[in-house]
Amino acid sequence: MNRSTAAEMNDQAFRQAIVPTARLFAEYLTRDAIAKKLGWDDLEFVFTDVDTASDPMEEAQIQQILLQAGVLTSVEEGVFDLSVSAI
C-alpha cells in the first residue's frame, strides 16, 4: 500500500464511520438537549467541518451555486466559509 492509497482509504473510513456518527450525535443533541431540555425548538446543533467536500473544485462549484442562488451575498463570505485567506 502506498501513501496515496492509504490516504484515500483513510478518507473513505472517515466518511463511512465518523460522518454518520457525528450526524447521529448532532441529531441527539438537537432533539434531546436543546429541544427537550431547554425548550428551544428553533435551534439546531451541527458540526461545521465534518461533512465537507474534499475536492477543492467541488467546493468552488458549491460556492458558485450558493452565490447565484443568493444564499451568499459576497465572495468574501464564501471565502470565509472555506477558511481560505482572501486575495
PDB file of N, CA and C in Angstrom:
ATOM      1  N   MET A   1       0.852  -1.165   0.000  1.00  0.00           N
ATOM      2  CA  MET A   1       0.000   0.000   0.000  1.00  0.00           C
ATOM      3  C   MET A   1       0.901   1.231   0.000  1.00  0.00           C
ATOM      4  N   ASN A   2       0.643   2.147  -0.922  1.00  0.00           N
ATOM      5  CA  ASN A   2       1.428   3.382  -0.966  1.00  0.00           C
ATOM      6  C   ASN A   2       0.693   4.519  -0.254  1.00  0.00           C
ATOM      7  N   ARG A   3       1.303   5.689  -0.190  1.00  0.00           N
ATOM      8  CA  ARG A   3       0.727   6.811   0.551  1.00  0.00           C
ATOM      9  C   ARG A   3      -0.602   7.261  -0.036  1.00  0.00           C
ATOM     10  N   SER A   4      -0.690   7.286  -1.342  1.00  0.00           N
ATOM     11  CA  SER A   4      -1.916   7.730  -1.990  1.00  0.00           C
ATOM     12  C   SER A   4      -3.082   6.807  -1.652  1.00  0.00           C
ATOM     13  N   THR A   5      -2.846   5.515  -1.720  1.00  0.00           N
ATOM     14  CA  THR A   5      -3.884   4.542  -1.390  1.00  0.00           C
ATOM     15  C   THR A   5      -4.260   4.629   0.083  1.00  0.00           C
ATOM     16  N   ALA A   6      -3.274   4.793   0.935  1.00  0.00           N
ATOM     17  CA  ALA A   6      -3.533   4.894   2.372  1.00  0.00           C
ATOM     18  C   ALA A   6      -4.344   6.139   2.698  1.00  0.00           C
ATOM     19  N   ALA A   7      -4.017   7.250   2.048  1.00  0.00           N
ATOM     20  CA  ALA A   7      -4.768   8.487   2.285  1.00  0.00           C
ATOM     21  C   ALA A   7      -6.211   8.344   1.819  1.00  0.00           C
ATOM     22  N   GLU A   8      -6.408   7.724   0.680  1.00  0.00           N
ATOM     23  CA  GLU A   8      -7.771   7.525   0.164  1.00  0.00           C
ATOM     24  C   GLU A   8      -8.564   6.588   1.070  1.00  0.00           C
ATOM     25  N   MET A   9      -7.934   5.544   1.554  1.00  0.00           N
ATOM     26  CA  MET A   9      -8.621   4.621   2.455  1.00  0.00           C
ATOM     27  C   MET A   9      -8.947   5.308   3.780  1.00  0.00           C
ATOM     28  N   ASN A  10      -8.076   6.196   4.252  1.00  0.00           N
ATOM     29  CA  ASN A  10      -8.334   6.949   5.468  1.00  0.00           C
ATOM     30  C   ASN A  10      -9.528   7.885   5.282  1.00  0.00           C
ATOM     31  N   ASP A  11      -9.586   8.576   4.147  1.00  0.00           N
ATOM     32  CA  ASP A  11     -10.725   9.458   3.854  1.00  0.00           C
ATOM     33  C   ASP A  11     -12.023   8.671   3.756  1.00  0.00           C
ATOM     34  N   GLN A  12     -11.961   7.519   3.124  1.00  0.00           N
ATOM     35  CA  GLN A  12     -13.154   6.682   2.981  1.00  0.00           C
ATOM     36  C   GLN A  12     -13.630   6.176   4.345  1.00  0.00           C
ATOM     37  N   ALA A  13     -12.709   5.756   5.174  1.00  0.00           N
ATOM     38  CA  ALA A  13     -13.081   5.286   6.510  1.00  0.00           C
ATOM     39  C   ALA A  13     -13.686   6.415   7.328  1.00  0.00           C
ATOM     40  N   PHE A  14     -13.142   7.622   7.191  1.00  0.00           N
ATOM     41  CA  PHE A  14     -13.693   8.783   7.902  1.00  0.00           C
ATOM     42  C   PHE A  14     -15.126   9.051   7.452  1.00  0.00           C
ATOM     43  N   ARG A  15     -15.344   9.041   6.135  1.00  0.00           N
ATOM     44  CA  ARG A  15     -16.694   9.314   5.611  1.00  0.00           C
ATOM     45  C   ARG A  15     -17.687   8.230   6.006  1.00  0.00           C
ATOM     46  N   GLN A  16     -17.241   6.992   6.115  1.00  0.00           N
ATOM     47  CA  GLN A  16     -18.154   5.892   6.421  1.00  0.00           C
ATOM     48  C   GLN A  16     -18.394   5.695   7.910  1.00  0.00           C
ATOM     49  N   ALA A  17     -17.471   6.109   8.759  1.00  0.00           N
ATOM     50  CA  ALA A  17     -17.618   5.869  10.196  1.00  0.00           C
ATOM     51  C   ALA A  17     -17.888   7.145  10.992  1.00  0.00           C
ATOM     52  N   ILE A  18     -17.063   8.142  10.814  1.00  0.00           N
ATOM     53  CA  ILE A  18     -17.155   9.349  11.631  1.00  0.00           C
ATOM     54  C   ILE A  18     -18.336  10.219  11.225  1.00  0.00           C
ATOM     55  N   VAL A  19     -18.533  10.419   9.945  1.00  0.00           N
ATOM     56  CA  VAL A  19     -19.602  11.310   9.485  1.00  0.00           C
ATOM     57  C   VAL A  19     -20.981  10.837   9.943  1.00  0.00           C
ATOM     58  N   PRO A  20     -21.366   9.575   9.741  1.00  0.00           N
ATOM     59  CA  PRO A  20     -22.685   9.145  10.234  1.00  0.00           C
ATOM     60  C   PRO A  20     -22.816   9.239  11.758  1.00  0.00           C
ATOM     61  N   THR A  21     -21.738   8.919  12.477  1.00  0.00           N
ATOM     62  CA  THR A  21     -21.777   9.010  13.935  1.00  0.00           C
ATOM     63  C   THR A  21     -21.937  10.457  14.380  1.00  0.00           C
ATOM     64  N   ALA A  22     -21.243  11.369  13.728  1.00  0.00           N
ATOM     65  CA  ALA A  22     -21.364  12.787  14.065  1.00  0.00           C
ATOM     66  C   ALA A  22     -22.766  13.300  13.773  1.00  0.00           C
ATOM     67  N   ARG A  23     -23.364  12.845  12.678  1.00  0.00           N
ATOM     68  CA  ARG A  23     -24.744  13.252  12.366  1.00  0.00           C
ATOM     69  C   ARG A  23     -25.717  12.758  13.426  1.00  0.00           C
ATOM     70  N   LEU A  24     -25.574  11.509  13.836  1.00  0.00           N
ATOM     71  CA  LEU A  24     -26.452  10.971  14.881  1.00  0.00           C
ATOM     72  C   LEU A  24     -26.285  11.724  16.188  1.00  0.00           C
ATOM     73  N   PHE A  25     -25.050  12.033  16.544  1.00  0.00           N
ATOM     74  CA  PHE A  25     -24.783  12.761  17.770  1.00  0.00           C
ATOM     75  C   PHE A  25     -25.373  14.177  17.712  1.00  0.00           C
ATOM     76  N   ALA A  26     -25.224  14.832  16.558  1.00  0.00           N
ATOM     77  CA  ALA A  26     -25.779  16.177  16.396  1.00  0.00           C
ATOM     78  C   ALA A  26     -27.304  16.143  16.472  1.00  0.00           C
ATOM     79  N   GLU A  27     -27.921  15.132  15.864  1.00  0.00           N
ATOM     80  CA  GLU A  27     -29.379  14.999  15.945  1.00  0.00           C
ATOM     81  C   GLU A  27     -29.825  14.758  17.380  1.00  0.00           C
ATOM     82  N   TYR A  28     -29.069  13.950  18.105  1.00  0.00           N
ATOM     83  CA  TYR A  28     -29.381  13.685  19.504  1.00  0.00           C
ATOM     84  C   TYR A  28     -29.304  14.972  20.333  1.00  0.00           C
ATOM     85  N   LEU A  29     -28.213  15.720  20.157  1.00  0.00           N
ATOM     86  CA  LEU A  29     -28.068  16.971  20.905  1.00  0.00           C
ATOM     87  C   LEU A  29     -29.189  17.951  20.558  1.00  0.00           C
ATOM     88  N   THR A  30     -29.525  18.030  19.273  1.00  0.00           N
ATOM     89  CA  THR A  30     -30.587  18.941  18.861  1.00  0.00           C
ATOM     90  C   THR A  30     -31.919  18.525  19.468  1.00  0.00           C
ATOM     91  N   ARG A  31     -32.234  17.250  19.373  1.00  0.00           N
ATOM     92  CA  ARG A  31     -33.538  16.755  19.821  1.00  0.00           C
ATOM     93  C   ARG A  31     -33.651  16.710  21.346  1.00  0.00           C
ATOM     94  N   ASP A  32     -32.689  16.097  22.005  1.00  0.00           N
ATOM     95  CA  ASP A  32     -32.814  15.862  23.442  1.00  0.00           C
ATOM     96  C   ASP A  32     -32.283  17.001  24.303  1.00  0.00           C
ATOM     97  N   ALA A  33     -31.110  17.497  24.003  1.00  0.00           N
ATOM     98  CA  ALA A  33     -30.529  18.527  24.865  1.00  0.00           C
ATOM     99  C   ALA A  33     -31.118  19.908  24.592  1.00  0.00           C
ATOM    100  N   ILE A  34     -31.207  20.279  23.331  1.00  0.00           N
ATOM    101  CA  ILE A  34     -31.655  21.633  23.011  1.00  0.00           C
ATOM    102  C   ILE A  34     -33.176  21.741  23.018  1.00  0.00           C
ATOM    103  N   ALA A  35     -33.855  20.838  22.314  1.00  0.00           N
ATOM    104  CA  ALA A  35     -35.312  20.951  22.194  1.00  0.00           C
ATOM    105  C   ALA A  35     -36.055  20.497  23.447  1.00  0.00           C
ATOM    106  N   LYS A  36     -35.729  19.310  23.942  1.00  0.00           N
ATOM    107  CA  LYS A  36     -36.475  18.779  25.083  1.00  0.00           C
ATOM    108  C   LYS A  36     -36.081  19.428  26.407  1.00  0.00           C
ATOM    109  N   LYS A  37     -34.796  19.504  26.689  1.00  0.00           N
ATOM    110  CA  LYS A  37     -34.344  20.012  27.988  1.00  0.00           C
ATOM    111  C   LYS A  37     -34.448  21.533  28.091  1.00  0.00           C
ATOM    112  N   LEU A  38     -34.028  22.232  27.031  1.00  0.00           N
ATOM    113  CA  LEU A  38     -34.034  23.690  27.079  1.00  0.00           C
ATOM    114  C   LEU A  38     -35.310  24.296  26.510  1.00  0.00           C
ATOM    115  N   GLY A  39     -36.029  23.523  25.696  1.00  0.00           N
ATOM    116  CA  GLY A  39     -37.266  24.019  25.109  1.00  0.00           C
ATOM    117  C   GLY A  39     -37.067  24.941  23.924  1.00  0.00           C
ATOM    118  N   TRP A  40     -35.888  24.926  23.336  1.00  0.00           N
ATOM    119  CA  TRP A  40     -35.604  25.788  22.190  1.00  0.00           C
ATOM    120  C   TRP A  40     -35.770  24.969  20.912  1.00  0.00           C
ATOM    121  N   ASP A  41     -36.909  25.071  20.275  1.00  0.00           N
ATOM    122  CA  ASP A  41     -37.198  24.285  19.072  1.00  0.00           C
ATOM    123  C   ASP A  41     -36.607  24.904  17.804  1.00  0.00           C
ATOM    124  N   ASP A  42     -36.161  26.138  17.884  1.00  0.00           N
ATOM    125  CA  ASP A  42     -35.675  26.815  16.693  1.00  0.00           C
ATOM    126  C   ASP A  42     -34.155  26.746  16.523  1.00  0.00           C
ATOM    127  N   LEU A  43     -33.465  25.994  17.375  1.00  0.00           N
ATOM    128  CA  LEU A  43     -32.013  25.838  17.270  1.00  0.00           C
ATOM    129  C   LEU A  43     -31.651  24.433  16.844  1.00  0.00           C
ATOM    130  N   GLU A  44     -30.514  24.326  16.154  1.00  0.00           N
ATOM    131  CA  GLU A  44     -30.028  23.022  15.712  1.00  0.00           C
ATOM    132  C   GLU A  44     -28.524  22.968  15.914  1.00  0.00           C
ATOM    133  N   PHE A  45     -28.038  21.868  16.474  1.00  0.00           N
ATOM    134  CA  PHE A  45     -26.601  21.659  16.649  1.00  0.00           C
ATOM    135  C   PHE A  45     -26.052  21.010  15.386  1.00  0.00           C
ATOM    136  N   VAL A  46     -24.970  21.561  14.838  1.00  0.00           N
ATOM    137  CA  VAL A  46     -24.320  20.974  13.664  1.00  0.00           C
ATOM    138  C   VAL A  46     -22.805  21.040  13.834  1.00  0.00           C
ATOM    139  N   PHE A  47     -22.115  20.072  13.285  1.00  0.00           N
ATOM    140  CA  PHE A  47     -20.669  20.110  13.173  1.00  0.00           C
ATOM    141  C   PHE A  47     -20.350  20.798  11.855  1.00  0.00           C
ATOM    142  N   THR A  48     -19.463  21.781  11.867  1.00  0.00           N
ATOM    143  CA  THR A  48     -19.213  22.554  10.655  1.00  0.00           C
ATOM    144  C   THR A  48     -18.228  21.908   9.686  1.00  0.00           C
ATOM    145  N   ASP A  49     -17.265  21.153  10.151  1.00  0.00           N
ATOM    146  CA  ASP A  49     -16.234  20.615   9.257  1.00  0.00           C
ATOM    147  C   ASP A  49     -16.287  19.105   9.073  1.00  0.00           C
ATOM    148  N   VAL A  50     -17.355  18.466   9.476  1.00  0.00           N
ATOM    149  CA  VAL A  50     -17.389  17.010   9.403  1.00  0.00           C
ATOM    150  C   VAL A  50     -17.717  16.519   8.005  1.00  0.00           C
ATOM    151  N   ASP A  51     -18.666  17.126   7.366  1.00  0.00           N
ATOM    152  CA  ASP A  51     -19.143  16.616   6.079  1.00  0.00           C
ATOM    153  C   ASP A  51     -18.787  17.564   4.945  1.00  0.00           C
ATOM    154  N   THR A  52     -17.560  18.027   4.903  1.00  0.00           N
ATOM    155  CA  THR A  52     -17.148  18.935   3.851  1.00  0.00           C
ATOM    156  C   THR A  52     -16.602  18.154   2.662  1.00  0.00           C
ATOM    157  N   ALA A  53     -16.697  18.745   1.518  1.00  0.00           N
ATOM    158  CA  ALA A  53     -16.169  18.120   0.310  1.00  0.00           C
ATOM    159  C   ALA A  53     -14.650  18.194   0.340  1.00  0.00           C
ATOM    160  N   SER A  54     -13.993  17.132  -0.054  1.00  0.00           N
ATOM    161  CA  SER A  54     -12.534  17.117  -0.016  1.00  0.00           C
ATOM    162  C   SER A  54     -11.922  17.653  -1.300  1.00  0.00           C
ATOM    163  N   ASP A  55     -12.709  17.786  -2.343  1.00  0.00           N
ATOM    164  CA  ASP A  55     -12.214  18.252  -3.628  1.00  0.00           C
ATOM    165  C   ASP A  55     -12.379  19.773  -3.719  1.00  0.00           C
ATOM    166  N   PRO A  56     -11.289  20.522  -3.914  1.00  0.00           N
ATOM    167  CA  PRO A  56     -11.402  21.980  -3.999  1.00  0.00           C
ATOM    168  C   PRO A  56     -12.297  22.447  -5.148  1.00  0.00           C
ATOM    169  N   MET A  57     -12.293  21.718  -6.262  1.00  0.00           N
ATOM    170  CA  MET A  57     -13.142  22.082  -7.399  1.00  0.00           C
ATOM    171  C   MET A  57     -14.615  21.932  -7.025  1.00  0.00           C
ATOM    172  N   GLU A  58     -14.937  20.872  -6.304  1.00  0.00           N
ATOM    173  CA  GLU A  58     -16.316  20.659  -5.858  1.00  0.00           C
ATOM    174  C   GLU A  58     -16.745  21.757  -4.886  1.00  0.00           C
ATOM    175  N   GLU A  59     -15.850  22.157  -3.990  1.00  0.00           N
ATOM    176  CA  GLU A  59     -16.153  23.239  -3.056  1.00  0.00           C
ATOM    177  C   GLU A  59     -16.387  24.549  -3.793  1.00  0.00           C
ATOM    178  N   ALA A  60     -15.573  24.814  -4.824  1.00  0.00           N
ATOM    179  CA  ALA A  60     -15.743  26.041  -5.611  1.00  0.00           C
ATOM    180  C   ALA A  60     -17.080  26.034  -6.349  1.00  0.00           C
ATOM    181  N   GLN A  61     -17.476  24.884  -6.881  1.00  0.00           N
ATOM    182  CA  GLN A  61     -18.761  24.780  -7.568  1.00  0.00           C
ATOM    183  C   GLN A  61     -19.915  24.996  -6.599  1.00  0.00           C
ATOM    184  N   ILE A  62     -19.805  24.476  -5.393  1.00  0.00           N
ATOM    185  CA  ILE A  62     -20.843  24.679  -4.385  1.00  0.00           C
ATOM    186  C   ILE A  62     -20.950  26.161  -4.038  1.00  0.00           C
ATOM    187  N   GLN A  63     -19.804  26.832  -3.853  1.00  0.00           N
ATOM    188  CA  GLN A  63     -19.816  28.262  -3.541  1.00  0.00           C
ATOM    189  C   GLN A  63     -20.435  29.067  -4.684  1.00  0.00           C
ATOM    190  N   GLN A  64     -20.143  28.694  -5.929  1.00  0.00           N
ATOM    191  CA  GLN A  64     -20.712  29.392  -7.075  1.00  0.00           C
ATOM    192  C   GLN A  64     -22.233  29.227  -7.107  1.00  0.00           C
ATOM    193  N   ILE A  65     -22.713  28.047  -6.839  1.00  0.00           N
ATOM    194  CA  ILE A  65     -24.158  27.799  -6.808  1.00  0.00           C
ATOM    195  C   ILE A  65     -24.810  28.616  -5.702  1.00  0.00           C
ATOM    196  N   LEU A  66     -24.178  28.658  -4.526  1.00  0.00           N
ATOM    197  CA  LEU A  66     -24.728  29.434  -3.410  1.00  0.00           C
ATOM    198  C   LEU A  66     -24.738  30.929  -3.716  1.00  0.00           C
ATOM    199  N   LEU A  67     -23.714  31.431  -4.401  1.00  0.00           N
ATOM    200  CA  LEU A  67     -23.696  32.839  -4.787  1.00  0.00           C
ATOM    201  C   LEU A  67     -24.800  33.145  -5.788  1.00  0.00           C
ATOM    202  N   GLN A  68     -24.979  32.289  -6.793  1.00  0.00           N
ATOM    203  CA  GLN A  68     -26.007  32.504  -7.807  1.00  0.00           C
ATOM    204  C   GLN A  68     -27.405  32.414  -7.226  1.00  0.00           C
ATOM    205  N   ALA A  69     -27.581  31.578  -6.213  1.00  0.00           N
ATOM    206  CA  ALA A  69     -28.895  31.418  -5.593  1.00  0.00           C
ATOM    207  C   ALA A  69     -29.193  32.525  -4.593  1.00  0.00           C
ATOM    208  N   GLY A  70     -28.183  33.344  -4.272  1.00  0.00           N
ATOM    209  CA  GLY A  70     -28.388  34.427  -3.330  1.00  0.00           C
ATOM    210  C   GLY A  70     -28.241  34.013  -1.881  1.00  0.00           C
ATOM    211  N   VAL A  71     -27.786  32.793  -1.628  1.00  0.00           N
ATOM    212  CA  VAL A  71     -27.578  32.334  -0.257  1.00  0.00           C
ATOM    213  C   VAL A  71     -26.402  33.078   0.351  1.00  0.00           C
ATOM    214  N   LEU A  72     -25.326  33.208  -0.416  1.00  0.00           N
ATOM    215  CA  LEU A  72     -24.186  34.020  -0.010  1.00  0.00           C
ATOM    216  C   LEU A  72     -24.313  35.366  -0.703  1.00  0.00           C
ATOM    217  N   THR A  73     -23.957  36.425   0.003  1.00  0.00           N
ATOM    218  CA  THR A  73     -24.114  37.752  -0.576  1.00  0.00           C
ATOM    219  C   THR A  73     -22.843  38.291  -1.193  1.00  0.00           C
ATOM    220  N   SER A  74     -21.694  37.698  -0.876  1.00  0.00           N
ATOM    221  CA  SER A  74     -20.434  38.174  -1.448  1.00  0.00           C
ATOM    222  C   SER A  74     -19.439  37.034  -1.530  1.00  0.00           C
ATOM    223  N   VAL A  75     -18.431  37.238  -2.337  1.00  0.00           N
ATOM    224  CA  VAL A  75     -17.380  36.232  -2.479  1.00  0.00           C
ATOM    225  C   VAL A  75     -16.618  36.099  -1.165  1.00  0.00           C
ATOM    226  N   GLU A  76     -16.434  37.200  -0.441  1.00  0.00           N
ATOM    227  CA  GLU A  76     -15.703  37.157   0.818  1.00  0.00           C
ATOM    228  C   GLU A  76     -16.395  36.244   1.826  1.00  0.00           C
ATOM    229  N   GLU A  77     -17.725  36.230   1.815  1.00  0.00           N
ATOM    230  CA  GLU A  77     -18.462  35.352   2.726  1.00  0.00           C
ATOM    231  C   GLU A  77     -18.168  33.894   2.398  1.00  0.00           C
ATOM    232  N   GLY A  78     -18.095  33.554   1.117  1.00  0.00           N
ATOM    233  CA  GLY A  78     -17.763  32.198   0.710  1.00  0.00           C
ATOM    234  C   GLY A  78     -16.332  31.832   1.048  1.00  0.00           C
ATOM    235  N   VAL A  79     -15.413  32.789   0.899  1.00  0.00           N
ATOM    236  CA  VAL A  79     -14.018  32.556   1.243  1.00  0.00           C
ATOM    237  C   VAL A  79     -13.887  32.313   2.733  1.00  0.00           C
ATOM    238  N   PHE A  80     -14.649  33.078   3.537  1.00  0.00           N
ATOM    239  CA  PHE A  80     -14.608  32.887   4.975  1.00  0.00           C
ATOM    240  C   PHE A  80     -15.086  31.488   5.340  1.00  0.00           C
ATOM    241  N   ASP A  81     -16.134  31.013   4.678  1.00  0.00           N
ATOM    242  CA  ASP A  81     -16.657  29.683   4.971  1.00  0.00           C
ATOM    243  C   ASP A  81     -15.659  28.600   4.615  1.00  0.00           C
ATOM    244  N   LEU A  82     -14.843  28.803   3.598  1.00  0.00           N
ATOM    245  CA  LEU A  82     -13.876  27.793   3.182  1.00  0.00           C
ATOM    246  C   LEU A  82     -12.588  27.853   3.986  1.00  0.00           C
ATOM    247  N   SER A  83     -12.460  28.823   4.867  1.00  0.00           N
ATOM    248  CA  SER A  83     -11.251  29.017   5.669  1.00  0.00           C
ATOM    249  C   SER A  83     -10.039  29.229   4.798  1.00  0.00           C
ATOM    250  N   VAL A  84     -10.213  30.037   3.751  1.00  0.00           N
ATOM    251  CA  VAL A  84      -9.139  30.381   2.849  1.00  0.00           C
ATOM    252  C   VAL A  84      -8.917  31.874   2.959  1.00  0.00           C
ATOM    253  N   SER A  85      -7.673  32.300   2.926  1.00  0.00           N
ATOM    254  CA  SER A  85      -7.411  33.737   3.034  1.00  0.00           C
ATOM    255  C   SER A  85      -7.838  34.442   1.756  1.00  0.00           C
ATOM    256  N   ALA A  86      -8.466  35.574   1.924  1.00  0.00           N
ATOM    257  CA  ALA A  86      -8.940  36.370   0.783  1.00  0.00           C
ATOM    258  C   ALA A  86      -7.750  37.015   0.078  1.00  0.00           C
ATOM    259  N   ILE A  87      -7.885  37.222  -1.215  1.00  0.00           N
ATOM    260  CA  ILE A  87      -6.817  37.834  -2.010  1.00  0.00           C
ATOM    261  C   ILE A  87      -6.945  39.337  -1.954  1.00  0.00           C
TER     262      ILE A  87
END
